[in-house]
Amino acid sequence: MSRHDIQLWAWSLDEEPLGGETLLTDEERDRAQRFVGPLLKRRFVAARAQLRALLGHHLGRDPRSLVFLLNEFGKPRLADHPGVHFSLSHSQDRALLAVSDGPEIGADLEMMRVVDHLDLARRYFHPEEVGAIERHRDPQQAFFRIWTLKEAVVKAIGLGLALPLDGFAVSIDGPRPVMAVAPPDSPDAWWLHLEPGDYCRAVAVPGGGELGLIQRNV
């Protein structure tokens, strides 16, 4: 079985990327103008411009020439490179991009913060995950680890809100996260990666297999 390397890029949304708004399409610049306040606009531009810059570098293409298409649930893909999969996530002032030349991929980034974690978990998560959160020495940290993993899985499948969060379960009980109950119509085996911290980061790849992770900061 051949090995696939996942590229994982992280950057600050408060630092303007080289090229800035000049990398965006007219439609993207129009979207930026609709944000309320300069901070949200600047972070949108930083996320979108860096996405184009990194994918352009990966493909050896002019970032401005990349065309994105959305599936019916809003998952983006590259029009001219259907075999290249990517997943962008951002939280507050940080962004994360995962790129794969092989399997589908999902990535999620969440800033740790105070939320009503038990109420949210009981309303939306699988019962096995609720139990794991209730037993954990730090229930709020456990909630964010599970939430970030689940969001990465949803992004990898590409069904958006059509995939109920309580319809599958991830486990954080061992040294590595694993899929405890697979989502409907998906492989039983999944490759899951989790990095907890002030910003919790997760990557999910359906089907498992031999995968490597190359992490870089922009």
N, C-alpha and C. Protein backbone atom coordinates (compact mmCIF):
# COMPACT_ATOMS: atom_id res chain seq x y z
N MET A 1 0.85 -1.20 0.00
CA MET A 1 0.00 0.00 0.00
C MET A 1 0.88 1.24 0.00
N SER A 2 0.60 2.15 -0.92
CA SER A 2 1.42 3.36 -1.01
C SER A 2 1.08 4.30 0.13
N ARG A 3 2.07 5.08 0.52
CA ARG A 3 1.90 6.05 1.59
C ARG A 3 1.49 7.40 1.01
N HIS A 4 0.54 8.05 1.68
CA HIS A 4 0.12 9.39 1.32
C HIS A 4 0.53 10.33 2.44
N ASP A 5 1.09 11.47 2.06
CA ASP A 5 1.45 12.49 3.03
C ASP A 5 0.40 13.58 3.05
N ILE A 6 -0.04 13.93 4.24
CA ILE A 6 -0.98 15.02 4.44
C ILE A 6 -0.16 16.27 4.78
N GLN A 7 -0.37 17.34 4.04
CA GLN A 7 0.27 18.62 4.33
C GLN A 7 -0.65 19.42 5.24
N LEU A 8 -0.10 19.90 6.35
CA LEU A 8 -0.90 20.66 7.31
C LEU A 8 -0.22 22.00 7.55
N TRP A 9 -0.89 23.08 7.14
CA TRP A 9 -0.34 24.43 7.23
C TRP A 9 -1.12 25.23 8.27
N ALA A 10 -0.41 26.02 9.07
CA ALA A 10 -1.04 26.89 10.07
C ALA A 10 -0.50 28.30 9.93
N TRP A 11 -1.37 29.30 10.15
CA TRP A 11 -0.92 30.69 10.05
C TRP A 11 -1.82 31.61 10.86
N SER A 12 -1.34 32.83 11.06
CA SER A 12 -2.09 33.85 11.77
C SER A 12 -2.94 34.65 10.80
N LEU A 13 -4.19 34.88 11.16
CA LEU A 13 -5.09 35.69 10.33
C LEU A 13 -4.91 37.18 10.58
N ASP A 14 -4.05 37.52 11.51
CA ASP A 14 -3.78 38.94 11.78
C ASP A 14 -2.51 39.41 11.08
N GLU A 15 -1.92 38.55 10.24
CA GLU A 15 -0.77 38.93 9.42
C GLU A 15 -1.18 38.82 7.95
N GLU A 16 -1.06 39.90 7.22
CA GLU A 16 -1.50 39.90 5.82
C GLU A 16 -0.54 39.07 4.97
N PRO A 17 -1.05 38.11 4.21
CA PRO A 17 -0.18 37.28 3.37
C PRO A 17 0.37 38.08 2.20
N LEU A 18 1.50 37.61 1.68
CA LEU A 18 2.11 38.25 0.52
C LEU A 18 1.12 38.23 -0.64
N GLY A 19 0.84 39.39 -1.18
CA GLY A 19 -0.13 39.48 -2.27
C GLY A 19 -1.48 39.98 -1.81
N GLY A 20 -1.89 39.59 -0.59
CA GLY A 20 -3.13 40.07 0.00
C GLY A 20 -4.32 39.99 -0.93
N GLU A 21 -5.07 41.10 -1.02
CA GLU A 21 -6.30 41.11 -1.81
C GLU A 21 -6.06 40.91 -3.29
N THR A 22 -4.83 41.13 -3.77
CA THR A 22 -4.57 40.96 -5.20
C THR A 22 -4.71 39.51 -5.63
N LEU A 23 -4.67 38.55 -4.67
CA LEU A 23 -4.82 37.14 -5.01
C LEU A 23 -6.28 36.73 -5.14
N LEU A 24 -7.20 37.58 -4.68
CA LEU A 24 -8.60 37.22 -4.65
C LEU A 24 -9.30 37.53 -5.97
N THR A 25 -10.38 36.81 -6.21
CA THR A 25 -11.23 37.11 -7.36
C THR A 25 -12.13 38.30 -7.02
N ASP A 26 -12.80 38.84 -8.03
CA ASP A 26 -13.74 39.93 -7.78
C ASP A 26 -14.84 39.49 -6.82
N GLU A 27 -15.31 38.26 -6.97
CA GLU A 27 -16.37 37.75 -6.09
C GLU A 27 -15.88 37.67 -4.65
N GLU A 28 -14.63 37.23 -4.46
CA GLU A 28 -14.09 37.14 -3.10
C GLU A 28 -13.88 38.52 -2.49
N ARG A 29 -13.46 39.48 -3.29
CA ARG A 29 -13.32 40.85 -2.78
C ARG A 29 -14.68 41.45 -2.41
N ASP A 30 -15.70 41.12 -3.19
CA ASP A 30 -17.04 41.58 -2.85
C ASP A 30 -17.49 40.96 -1.52
N ARG A 31 -17.20 39.69 -1.32
CA ARG A 31 -17.56 39.04 -0.05
C ARG A 31 -16.83 39.70 1.11
N ALA A 32 -15.58 40.06 0.91
CA ALA A 32 -14.81 40.71 1.97
C ALA A 32 -15.43 42.03 2.37
N GLN A 33 -15.95 42.76 1.40
CA GLN A 33 -16.54 44.07 1.68
C GLN A 33 -17.83 43.96 2.50
N ARG A 34 -18.46 42.79 2.47
CA ARG A 34 -19.73 42.64 3.18
C ARG A 34 -19.55 42.34 4.67
N PHE A 35 -18.31 42.08 5.10
CA PHE A 35 -18.09 41.82 6.52
C PHE A 35 -18.24 43.12 7.31
N VAL A 36 -18.81 43.00 8.51
CA VAL A 36 -19.00 44.16 9.38
C VAL A 36 -17.72 44.37 10.19
N GLY A 37 -17.05 45.48 9.97
CA GLY A 37 -15.85 45.80 10.73
C GLY A 37 -14.58 45.37 10.02
N PRO A 38 -13.49 46.12 10.22
CA PRO A 38 -12.23 45.84 9.52
C PRO A 38 -11.56 44.53 9.97
N LEU A 39 -11.77 44.13 11.23
CA LEU A 39 -11.11 42.92 11.72
C LEU A 39 -11.60 41.69 10.97
N LEU A 40 -12.91 41.52 10.86
CA LEU A 40 -13.45 40.35 10.18
C LEU A 40 -13.09 40.36 8.69
N LYS A 41 -13.12 41.54 8.08
CA LYS A 41 -12.72 41.63 6.68
C LYS A 41 -11.27 41.23 6.51
N ARG A 42 -10.37 41.75 7.37
CA ARG A 42 -8.95 41.44 7.25
C ARG A 42 -8.69 39.95 7.43
N ARG A 43 -9.40 39.33 8.36
CA ARG A 43 -9.19 37.90 8.60
C ARG A 43 -9.74 37.05 7.46
N PHE A 44 -10.84 37.46 6.85
CA PHE A 44 -11.34 36.74 5.68
C PHE A 44 -10.33 36.81 4.55
N VAL A 45 -9.80 38.00 4.29
CA VAL A 45 -8.80 38.15 3.22
C VAL A 45 -7.57 37.31 3.52
N ALA A 46 -7.12 37.32 4.78
CA ALA A 46 -5.92 36.56 5.14
C ALA A 46 -6.14 35.06 4.97
N ALA A 47 -7.34 34.58 5.28
CA ALA A 47 -7.64 33.16 5.12
C ALA A 47 -7.72 32.79 3.65
N ARG A 48 -8.46 33.58 2.87
CA ARG A 48 -8.69 33.23 1.47
C ARG A 48 -7.44 33.40 0.62
N ALA A 49 -6.70 34.48 0.86
CA ALA A 49 -5.49 34.72 0.08
C ALA A 49 -4.44 33.65 0.38
N GLN A 50 -4.29 33.29 1.65
CA GLN A 50 -3.29 32.27 1.99
C GLN A 50 -3.71 30.90 1.47
N LEU A 51 -5.00 30.61 1.48
CA LEU A 51 -5.49 29.37 0.88
C LEU A 51 -5.07 29.30 -0.59
N ARG A 52 -5.29 30.37 -1.33
CA ARG A 52 -4.91 30.39 -2.74
C ARG A 52 -3.40 30.28 -2.90
N ALA A 53 -2.64 31.01 -2.06
CA ALA A 53 -1.19 30.98 -2.17
C ALA A 53 -0.64 29.58 -1.92
N LEU A 54 -1.14 28.91 -0.89
CA LEU A 54 -0.62 27.58 -0.54
C LEU A 54 -1.03 26.52 -1.57
N LEU A 55 -2.28 26.56 -2.02
CA LEU A 55 -2.69 25.60 -3.05
C LEU A 55 -1.98 25.88 -4.37
N GLY A 56 -1.78 27.15 -4.70
CA GLY A 56 -1.03 27.47 -5.91
C GLY A 56 0.39 26.95 -5.85
N HIS A 57 1.03 27.13 -4.69
CA HIS A 57 2.39 26.61 -4.51
C HIS A 57 2.40 25.09 -4.62
N HIS A 58 1.43 24.43 -4.01
CA HIS A 58 1.35 22.97 -4.02
C HIS A 58 1.21 22.44 -5.45
N LEU A 59 0.45 23.15 -6.28
CA LEU A 59 0.16 22.69 -7.64
C LEU A 59 1.10 23.28 -8.68
N GLY A 60 1.94 24.25 -8.27
CA GLY A 60 2.75 24.94 -9.25
C GLY A 60 1.93 25.81 -10.18
N ARG A 61 0.86 26.42 -9.64
CA ARG A 61 -0.05 27.23 -10.43
C ARG A 61 -0.11 28.65 -9.89
N ASP A 62 -0.52 29.59 -10.73
CA ASP A 62 -0.79 30.95 -10.29
C ASP A 62 -2.00 30.90 -9.35
N PRO A 63 -1.87 31.38 -8.11
CA PRO A 63 -3.00 31.32 -7.17
C PRO A 63 -4.26 31.96 -7.70
N ARG A 64 -4.10 32.99 -8.53
CA ARG A 64 -5.27 33.69 -9.05
C ARG A 64 -6.03 32.86 -10.09
N SER A 65 -5.39 31.80 -10.62
CA SER A 65 -6.04 31.00 -11.66
C SER A 65 -6.89 29.86 -11.09
N LEU A 66 -6.83 29.63 -9.78
CA LEU A 66 -7.55 28.51 -9.19
C LEU A 66 -9.05 28.78 -9.17
N VAL A 67 -9.81 27.77 -9.55
CA VAL A 67 -11.27 27.88 -9.56
C VAL A 67 -11.84 26.87 -8.57
N PHE A 68 -12.68 27.35 -7.65
CA PHE A 68 -13.29 26.50 -6.63
C PHE A 68 -14.74 26.21 -6.99
N LEU A 69 -15.15 24.96 -6.80
CA LEU A 69 -16.54 24.55 -6.95
C LEU A 69 -17.03 24.01 -5.62
N LEU A 70 -18.33 24.12 -5.38
CA LEU A 70 -18.93 23.63 -4.15
C LEU A 70 -19.88 22.48 -4.46
N ASN A 71 -19.87 21.44 -3.60
CA ASN A 71 -20.89 20.41 -3.75
C ASN A 71 -22.20 20.92 -3.17
N GLU A 72 -23.24 20.12 -3.20
CA GLU A 72 -24.57 20.59 -2.78
C GLU A 72 -24.62 20.92 -1.30
N PHE A 73 -23.63 20.47 -0.53
CA PHE A 73 -23.60 20.76 0.90
C PHE A 73 -22.58 21.83 1.25
N GLY A 74 -21.94 22.41 0.22
CA GLY A 74 -21.02 23.52 0.45
C GLY A 74 -19.56 23.15 0.58
N LYS A 75 -19.21 21.87 0.38
CA LYS A 75 -17.79 21.50 0.47
C LYS A 75 -17.06 21.92 -0.79
N PRO A 76 -15.94 22.67 -0.66
CA PRO A 76 -15.24 23.15 -1.86
C PRO A 76 -14.27 22.11 -2.42
N ARG A 77 -14.03 22.22 -3.72
CA ARG A 77 -12.98 21.43 -4.38
C ARG A 77 -12.42 22.26 -5.51
N LEU A 78 -11.30 21.81 -6.05
CA LEU A 78 -10.66 22.50 -7.17
C LEU A 78 -11.24 21.99 -8.48
N ALA A 79 -11.68 22.89 -9.33
CA ALA A 79 -12.34 22.50 -10.57
C ALA A 79 -11.42 21.69 -11.47
N ASP A 80 -10.13 22.06 -11.56
CA ASP A 80 -9.23 21.42 -12.51
C ASP A 80 -8.36 20.33 -11.89
N HIS A 81 -8.51 20.09 -10.58
CA HIS A 81 -7.67 19.09 -9.90
C HIS A 81 -8.53 18.27 -8.95
N PRO A 82 -9.42 17.42 -9.48
CA PRO A 82 -10.33 16.67 -8.62
C PRO A 82 -9.63 15.69 -7.68
N GLY A 83 -8.37 15.34 -7.97
CA GLY A 83 -7.65 14.41 -7.11
C GLY A 83 -6.94 15.06 -5.94
N VAL A 84 -6.96 16.39 -5.89
CA VAL A 84 -6.35 17.13 -4.77
C VAL A 84 -7.47 17.57 -3.83
N HIS A 85 -7.39 17.14 -2.58
CA HIS A 85 -8.42 17.45 -1.60
C HIS A 85 -7.83 18.40 -0.55
N PHE A 86 -8.66 19.29 -0.06
CA PHE A 86 -8.19 20.23 0.96
C PHE A 86 -9.31 20.56 1.91
N SER A 87 -8.93 21.05 3.08
CA SER A 87 -9.91 21.44 4.10
C SER A 87 -9.34 22.62 4.87
N LEU A 88 -10.08 23.72 4.87
CA LEU A 88 -9.66 24.94 5.55
C LEU A 88 -10.53 25.17 6.77
N SER A 89 -9.90 25.55 7.88
CA SER A 89 -10.64 25.88 9.09
C SER A 89 -9.98 27.08 9.74
N HIS A 90 -10.79 27.91 10.39
CA HIS A 90 -10.20 29.03 11.13
C HIS A 90 -11.01 29.29 12.39
N SER A 91 -10.33 29.80 13.39
CA SER A 91 -10.93 30.10 14.68
C SER A 91 -10.23 31.31 15.25
N GLN A 92 -11.00 32.37 15.52
CA GLN A 92 -10.44 33.62 16.01
C GLN A 92 -9.31 34.09 15.08
N ASP A 93 -8.06 34.15 15.57
CA ASP A 93 -6.97 34.72 14.76
C ASP A 93 -6.07 33.67 14.13
N ARG A 94 -6.49 32.39 14.13
CA ARG A 94 -5.65 31.33 13.57
C ARG A 94 -6.39 30.59 12.47
N ALA A 95 -5.60 30.03 11.51
CA ALA A 95 -6.17 29.26 10.41
C ALA A 95 -5.37 27.97 10.23
N LEU A 96 -6.03 26.97 9.66
CA LEU A 96 -5.43 25.65 9.45
C LEU A 96 -5.90 25.14 8.09
N LEU A 97 -4.95 24.63 7.30
CA LEU A 97 -5.26 24.07 5.98
C LEU A 97 -4.61 22.70 5.86
N ALA A 98 -5.42 21.69 5.55
CA ALA A 98 -4.92 20.35 5.27
C ALA A 98 -5.07 20.08 3.77
N VAL A 99 -4.03 19.51 3.16
CA VAL A 99 -4.02 19.22 1.72
C VAL A 99 -3.62 17.77 1.52
N SER A 100 -4.35 17.07 0.65
CA SER A 100 -4.09 15.66 0.37
C SER A 100 -4.14 15.43 -1.13
N ASP A 101 -3.14 14.71 -1.65
CA ASP A 101 -3.14 14.30 -3.05
C ASP A 101 -3.75 12.92 -3.23
N GLY A 102 -4.26 12.34 -2.14
CA GLY A 102 -4.84 11.00 -2.21
C GLY A 102 -6.26 10.98 -1.70
N PRO A 103 -6.45 10.56 -0.44
CA PRO A 103 -7.81 10.41 0.07
C PRO A 103 -8.48 11.74 0.41
N GLU A 104 -9.80 11.68 0.55
CA GLU A 104 -10.54 12.83 1.06
C GLU A 104 -10.02 13.19 2.45
N ILE A 105 -10.23 14.44 2.86
CA ILE A 105 -9.67 14.89 4.12
C ILE A 105 -10.56 15.95 4.74
N GLY A 106 -10.54 16.01 6.06
CA GLY A 106 -11.23 17.06 6.78
C GLY A 106 -10.34 17.56 7.90
N ALA A 107 -10.36 18.85 8.15
CA ALA A 107 -9.56 19.45 9.23
C ALA A 107 -10.42 20.44 9.98
N ASP A 108 -10.17 20.56 11.28
CA ASP A 108 -10.90 21.54 12.07
C ASP A 108 -9.99 22.14 13.12
N LEU A 109 -10.27 23.40 13.43
CA LEU A 109 -9.50 24.17 14.41
C LEU A 109 -10.49 24.88 15.31
N GLU A 110 -10.32 24.73 16.63
CA GLU A 110 -11.21 25.37 17.59
C GLU A 110 -10.39 25.97 18.73
N MET A 111 -10.63 27.24 19.03
CA MET A 111 -10.00 27.86 20.18
C MET A 111 -10.71 27.40 21.45
N MET A 112 -9.95 26.95 22.42
CA MET A 112 -10.53 26.56 23.71
C MET A 112 -11.14 27.79 24.37
N ARG A 113 -12.36 27.64 24.86
CA ARG A 113 -13.05 28.73 25.53
C ARG A 113 -14.12 28.14 26.44
N VAL A 114 -14.69 28.96 27.29
CA VAL A 114 -15.72 28.49 28.22
C VAL A 114 -17.05 28.40 27.48
N VAL A 115 -17.62 27.20 27.46
CA VAL A 115 -18.95 26.97 26.88
C VAL A 115 -19.71 26.04 27.81
N ASP A 116 -21.00 25.93 27.59
CA ASP A 116 -21.81 25.00 28.38
C ASP A 116 -21.63 23.61 27.77
N HIS A 117 -20.47 23.01 28.03
CA HIS A 117 -20.04 21.82 27.31
C HIS A 117 -20.95 20.61 27.54
N LEU A 118 -21.41 20.41 28.76
CA LEU A 118 -22.23 19.23 29.02
C LEU A 118 -23.60 19.36 28.34
N ASP A 119 -24.19 20.53 28.39
CA ASP A 119 -25.48 20.72 27.72
C ASP A 119 -25.34 20.52 26.22
N LEU A 120 -24.30 21.09 25.62
CA LEU A 120 -24.08 20.92 24.18
C LEU A 120 -23.83 19.47 23.82
N ALA A 121 -23.01 18.79 24.61
CA ALA A 121 -22.71 17.39 24.33
C ALA A 121 -23.96 16.53 24.43
N ARG A 122 -24.77 16.74 25.46
CA ARG A 122 -25.98 15.93 25.63
C ARG A 122 -27.00 16.19 24.53
N ARG A 123 -26.99 17.38 23.96
CA ARG A 123 -27.94 17.71 22.90
C ARG A 123 -27.49 17.18 21.53
N TYR A 124 -26.17 17.15 21.28
CA TYR A 124 -25.71 16.91 19.92
C TYR A 124 -24.80 15.69 19.74
N PHE A 125 -24.16 15.21 20.79
CA PHE A 125 -23.15 14.16 20.63
C PHE A 125 -23.75 12.78 20.83
N HIS A 126 -23.00 11.77 20.39
CA HIS A 126 -23.36 10.37 20.60
C HIS A 126 -23.28 10.06 22.09
N PRO A 127 -24.15 9.18 22.60
CA PRO A 127 -24.12 8.84 24.04
C PRO A 127 -22.76 8.36 24.54
N GLU A 128 -22.01 7.62 23.72
CA GLU A 128 -20.69 7.18 24.15
C GLU A 128 -19.76 8.37 24.40
N GLU A 129 -19.89 9.41 23.58
CA GLU A 129 -19.05 10.59 23.76
C GLU A 129 -19.48 11.40 24.98
N VAL A 130 -20.77 11.47 25.22
CA VAL A 130 -21.25 12.17 26.42
C VAL A 130 -20.68 11.50 27.67
N GLY A 131 -20.72 10.17 27.70
CA GLY A 131 -20.16 9.45 28.85
C GLY A 131 -18.67 9.71 29.02
N ALA A 132 -17.93 9.76 27.91
CA ALA A 132 -16.48 10.02 27.98
C ALA A 132 -16.21 11.42 28.54
N ILE A 133 -17.01 12.39 28.14
CA ILE A 133 -16.84 13.76 28.65
C ILE A 133 -17.15 13.82 30.13
N GLU A 134 -18.21 13.17 30.54
CA GLU A 134 -18.61 13.19 31.96
C GLU A 134 -17.57 12.52 32.85
N ARG A 135 -16.88 11.50 32.32
CA ARG A 135 -15.87 10.78 33.12
C ARG A 135 -14.51 11.48 33.12
N HIS A 136 -14.26 12.35 32.17
CA HIS A 136 -12.93 12.93 31.98
C HIS A 136 -12.57 13.87 33.13
N ARG A 137 -11.27 13.91 33.47
CA ARG A 137 -10.82 14.78 34.57
C ARG A 137 -11.00 16.26 34.23
N ASP A 138 -11.04 16.59 32.94
CA ASP A 138 -11.28 17.95 32.49
C ASP A 138 -12.37 17.89 31.42
N PRO A 139 -13.64 17.90 31.83
CA PRO A 139 -14.73 17.70 30.87
C PRO A 139 -14.75 18.72 29.73
N GLN A 140 -14.42 19.97 30.01
CA GLN A 140 -14.45 20.97 28.94
C GLN A 140 -13.37 20.70 27.89
N GLN A 141 -12.19 20.30 28.34
CA GLN A 141 -11.14 19.94 27.40
C GLN A 141 -11.55 18.73 26.56
N ALA A 142 -12.16 17.75 27.21
CA ALA A 142 -12.63 16.56 26.48
C ALA A 142 -13.68 16.95 25.45
N PHE A 143 -14.58 17.86 25.81
CA PHE A 143 -15.60 18.32 24.87
C PHE A 143 -14.96 18.90 23.62
N PHE A 144 -13.96 19.77 23.78
CA PHE A 144 -13.35 20.40 22.62
C PHE A 144 -12.56 19.40 21.78
N ARG A 145 -11.93 18.43 22.42
CA ARG A 145 -11.22 17.41 21.65
C ARG A 145 -12.19 16.62 20.78
N ILE A 146 -13.29 16.20 21.38
CA ILE A 146 -14.27 15.43 20.63
C ILE A 146 -14.94 16.28 19.57
N TRP A 147 -15.31 17.50 19.91
CA TRP A 147 -15.97 18.39 18.96
C TRP A 147 -15.08 18.65 17.74
N THR A 148 -13.80 18.92 17.97
CA THR A 148 -12.90 19.20 16.86
C THR A 148 -12.74 17.98 15.96
N LEU A 149 -12.61 16.81 16.55
CA LEU A 149 -12.52 15.59 15.77
C LEU A 149 -13.79 15.36 14.94
N LYS A 150 -14.95 15.56 15.57
CA LYS A 150 -16.21 15.33 14.87
C LYS A 150 -16.38 16.31 13.70
N GLU A 151 -16.00 17.56 13.90
CA GLU A 151 -16.10 18.53 12.81
C GLU A 151 -15.17 18.15 11.66
N ALA A 152 -13.99 17.63 11.98
CA ALA A 152 -13.07 17.18 10.93
C ALA A 152 -13.67 16.01 10.14
N VAL A 153 -14.34 15.09 10.84
CA VAL A 153 -14.99 13.96 10.17
C VAL A 153 -16.09 14.45 9.24
N VAL A 154 -16.93 15.37 9.74
CA VAL A 154 -18.02 15.92 8.92
C VAL A 154 -17.47 16.58 7.66
N LYS A 155 -16.36 17.31 7.80
CA LYS A 155 -15.77 17.98 6.63
C LYS A 155 -15.20 16.97 5.65
N ALA A 156 -14.63 15.89 6.16
CA ALA A 156 -14.07 14.87 5.26
C ALA A 156 -15.17 14.21 4.43
N ILE A 157 -16.32 13.97 5.04
CA ILE A 157 -17.43 13.34 4.33
C ILE A 157 -18.10 14.32 3.38
N GLY A 158 -18.14 15.60 3.79
CA GLY A 158 -18.66 16.63 2.90
C GLY A 158 -20.17 16.74 2.87
N LEU A 159 -20.86 16.30 3.94
CA LEU A 159 -22.31 16.38 3.98
C LEU A 159 -22.83 17.54 4.81
N GLY A 160 -21.95 18.27 5.46
CA GLY A 160 -22.38 19.40 6.26
C GLY A 160 -23.35 18.99 7.35
N LEU A 161 -24.39 19.82 7.56
CA LEU A 161 -25.37 19.56 8.61
C LEU A 161 -26.27 18.37 8.31
N ALA A 162 -26.17 17.82 7.08
CA ALA A 162 -26.96 16.63 6.75
C ALA A 162 -26.46 15.39 7.49
N LEU A 163 -25.26 15.47 8.08
CA LEU A 163 -24.73 14.36 8.86
C LEU A 163 -24.89 14.71 10.34
N PRO A 164 -25.84 14.10 11.04
CA PRO A 164 -26.06 14.42 12.45
C PRO A 164 -24.85 14.06 13.30
N LEU A 165 -24.48 14.93 14.22
CA LEU A 165 -23.31 14.68 15.06
C LEU A 165 -23.50 13.50 16.00
N ASP A 166 -24.74 13.16 16.32
CA ASP A 166 -24.96 12.02 17.22
C ASP A 166 -25.05 10.70 16.46
N GLY A 167 -24.83 10.74 15.13
CA GLY A 167 -24.90 9.52 14.33
C GLY A 167 -23.59 8.76 14.25
N PHE A 168 -22.54 9.26 14.88
CA PHE A 168 -21.26 8.56 14.92
C PHE A 168 -20.54 8.98 16.18
N ALA A 169 -19.47 8.24 16.53
CA ALA A 169 -18.76 8.53 17.78
C ALA A 169 -17.27 8.35 17.60
N VAL A 170 -16.50 9.30 18.13
CA VAL A 170 -15.05 9.17 18.20
C VAL A 170 -14.67 8.90 19.65
N SER A 171 -13.51 8.28 19.84
CA SER A 171 -13.03 7.98 21.18
C SER A 171 -11.68 8.64 21.42
N ILE A 172 -11.53 9.31 22.57
CA ILE A 172 -10.26 9.93 22.95
C ILE A 172 -9.67 9.23 24.18
N ASP A 173 -10.14 8.01 24.46
CA ASP A 173 -9.70 7.31 25.68
C ASP A 173 -8.27 6.80 25.59
N GLY A 174 -7.79 6.48 24.40
CA GLY A 174 -6.46 5.91 24.25
C GLY A 174 -5.41 6.95 23.89
N PRO A 175 -4.20 6.49 23.57
CA PRO A 175 -3.13 7.42 23.20
C PRO A 175 -3.39 8.14 21.88
N ARG A 176 -4.20 7.54 21.02
CA ARG A 176 -4.58 8.17 19.76
C ARG A 176 -6.10 8.11 19.63
N PRO A 177 -6.72 9.13 19.04
CA PRO A 177 -8.16 9.05 18.83
C PRO A 177 -8.51 7.98 17.81
N VAL A 178 -9.66 7.36 17.98
CA VAL A 178 -10.12 6.34 17.05
C VAL A 178 -11.61 6.55 16.79
N MET A 179 -12.08 5.99 15.67
CA MET A 179 -13.50 6.01 15.37
C MET A 179 -14.16 4.87 16.12
N ALA A 180 -15.06 5.18 17.05
CA ALA A 180 -15.73 4.16 17.84
C ALA A 180 -16.99 3.66 17.14
N VAL A 181 -17.75 4.57 16.55
CA VAL A 181 -18.95 4.22 15.78
C VAL A 181 -18.87 5.02 14.49
N ALA A 182 -18.68 4.33 13.37
CA ALA A 182 -18.47 5.01 12.09
C ALA A 182 -19.75 5.70 11.61
N PRO A 183 -19.63 6.82 10.91
CA PRO A 183 -20.82 7.47 10.32
C PRO A 183 -21.49 6.54 9.31
N PRO A 184 -22.79 6.70 9.11
CA PRO A 184 -23.50 5.87 8.12
C PRO A 184 -22.88 6.01 6.73
N ASP A 185 -22.81 4.89 6.03
CA ASP A 185 -22.32 4.86 4.64
C ASP A 185 -20.88 5.34 4.51
N SER A 186 -20.08 5.17 5.56
CA SER A 186 -18.66 5.53 5.50
C SER A 186 -17.84 4.31 5.92
N PRO A 187 -16.54 4.30 5.61
CA PRO A 187 -15.72 3.17 6.04
C PRO A 187 -15.70 3.03 7.56
N ASP A 188 -15.50 1.80 8.04
CA ASP A 188 -15.35 1.58 9.49
C ASP A 188 -14.02 2.13 9.99
N ALA A 189 -12.99 2.03 9.14
CA ALA A 189 -11.65 2.47 9.53
C ALA A 189 -11.45 3.94 9.16
N TRP A 190 -10.90 4.71 10.09
CA TRP A 190 -10.57 6.12 9.87
C TRP A 190 -9.20 6.41 10.44
N TRP A 191 -8.49 7.34 9.80
CA TRP A 191 -7.24 7.87 10.34
C TRP A 191 -7.58 9.21 10.98
N LEU A 192 -7.34 9.30 12.29
CA LEU A 192 -7.67 10.51 13.04
C LEU A 192 -6.42 11.05 13.72
N HIS A 193 -6.27 12.36 13.67
CA HIS A 193 -5.13 13.04 14.31
C HIS A 193 -5.68 14.17 15.16
N LEU A 194 -5.13 14.31 16.37
CA LEU A 194 -5.61 15.33 17.29
C LEU A 194 -4.43 15.97 18.00
N GLU A 195 -4.45 17.31 18.05
CA GLU A 195 -3.47 18.07 18.82
C GLU A 195 -4.21 19.02 19.75
N PRO A 196 -4.31 18.67 21.04
CA PRO A 196 -4.98 19.55 21.97
C PRO A 196 -4.09 20.73 22.35
N GLY A 197 -4.69 21.75 22.92
CA GLY A 197 -3.95 22.94 23.34
C GLY A 197 -4.88 24.12 23.41
N ASP A 198 -4.33 25.33 23.46
CA ASP A 198 -5.18 26.52 23.46
C ASP A 198 -6.04 26.56 22.20
N TYR A 199 -5.48 26.07 21.10
CA TYR A 199 -6.22 25.84 19.87
C TYR A 199 -6.18 24.33 19.60
N CYS A 200 -7.32 23.70 19.60
CA CYS A 200 -7.39 22.26 19.36
C CYS A 200 -7.46 22.03 17.85
N ARG A 201 -6.58 21.12 17.33
CA ARG A 201 -6.50 20.86 15.91
C ARG A 201 -6.78 19.38 15.65
N ALA A 202 -7.56 19.11 14.60
CA ALA A 202 -7.88 17.72 14.27
C ALA A 202 -7.89 17.53 12.76
N VAL A 203 -7.49 16.32 12.35
CA VAL A 203 -7.52 15.93 10.94
C VAL A 203 -8.18 14.55 10.87
N ALA A 204 -9.04 14.36 9.86
CA ALA A 204 -9.74 13.08 9.69
C ALA A 204 -9.67 12.64 8.24
N VAL A 205 -9.35 11.35 8.05
CA VAL A 205 -9.26 10.77 6.70
C VAL A 205 -10.04 9.45 6.70
N PRO A 206 -11.07 9.32 5.88
CA PRO A 206 -11.81 8.05 5.83
C PRO A 206 -10.99 6.96 5.18
N GLY A 207 -11.14 5.75 5.69
CA GLY A 207 -10.49 4.60 5.09
C GLY A 207 -9.17 4.21 5.72
N GLY A 208 -8.61 5.09 6.54
CA GLY A 208 -7.34 4.75 7.18
C GLY A 208 -6.22 4.65 6.17
N GLY A 209 -5.39 3.61 6.31
CA GLY A 209 -4.26 3.42 5.42
C GLY A 209 -2.99 4.01 6.00
N GLU A 210 -1.92 3.95 5.20
CA GLU A 210 -0.61 4.45 5.64
C GLU A 210 -0.50 5.92 5.27
N LEU A 211 -0.53 6.76 6.28
CA LEU A 211 -0.52 8.20 6.07
C LEU A 211 0.59 8.85 6.88
N GLY A 212 1.16 9.90 6.32
CA GLY A 212 2.14 10.71 7.03
C GLY A 212 1.60 12.10 7.18
N LEU A 213 2.10 12.85 8.16
CA LEU A 213 1.64 14.21 8.41
C LEU A 213 2.86 15.14 8.40
N ILE A 214 2.84 16.10 7.50
CA ILE A 214 3.90 17.10 7.39
C ILE A 214 3.32 18.44 7.83
N GLN A 215 3.81 18.97 8.93
CA GLN A 215 3.26 20.19 9.49
C GLN A 215 4.20 21.37 9.28
N ARG A 216 3.61 22.50 8.88
CA ARG A 216 4.40 23.69 8.64
C ARG A 216 3.62 24.90 9.12
N ASN A 217 4.36 25.92 9.55
CA ASN A 217 3.79 27.22 9.87
C ASN A 217 4.15 28.20 8.77
N VAL A 218 3.21 29.02 8.38
CA VAL A 218 3.45 30.01 7.33
C VAL A 218 4.10 31.24 7.97
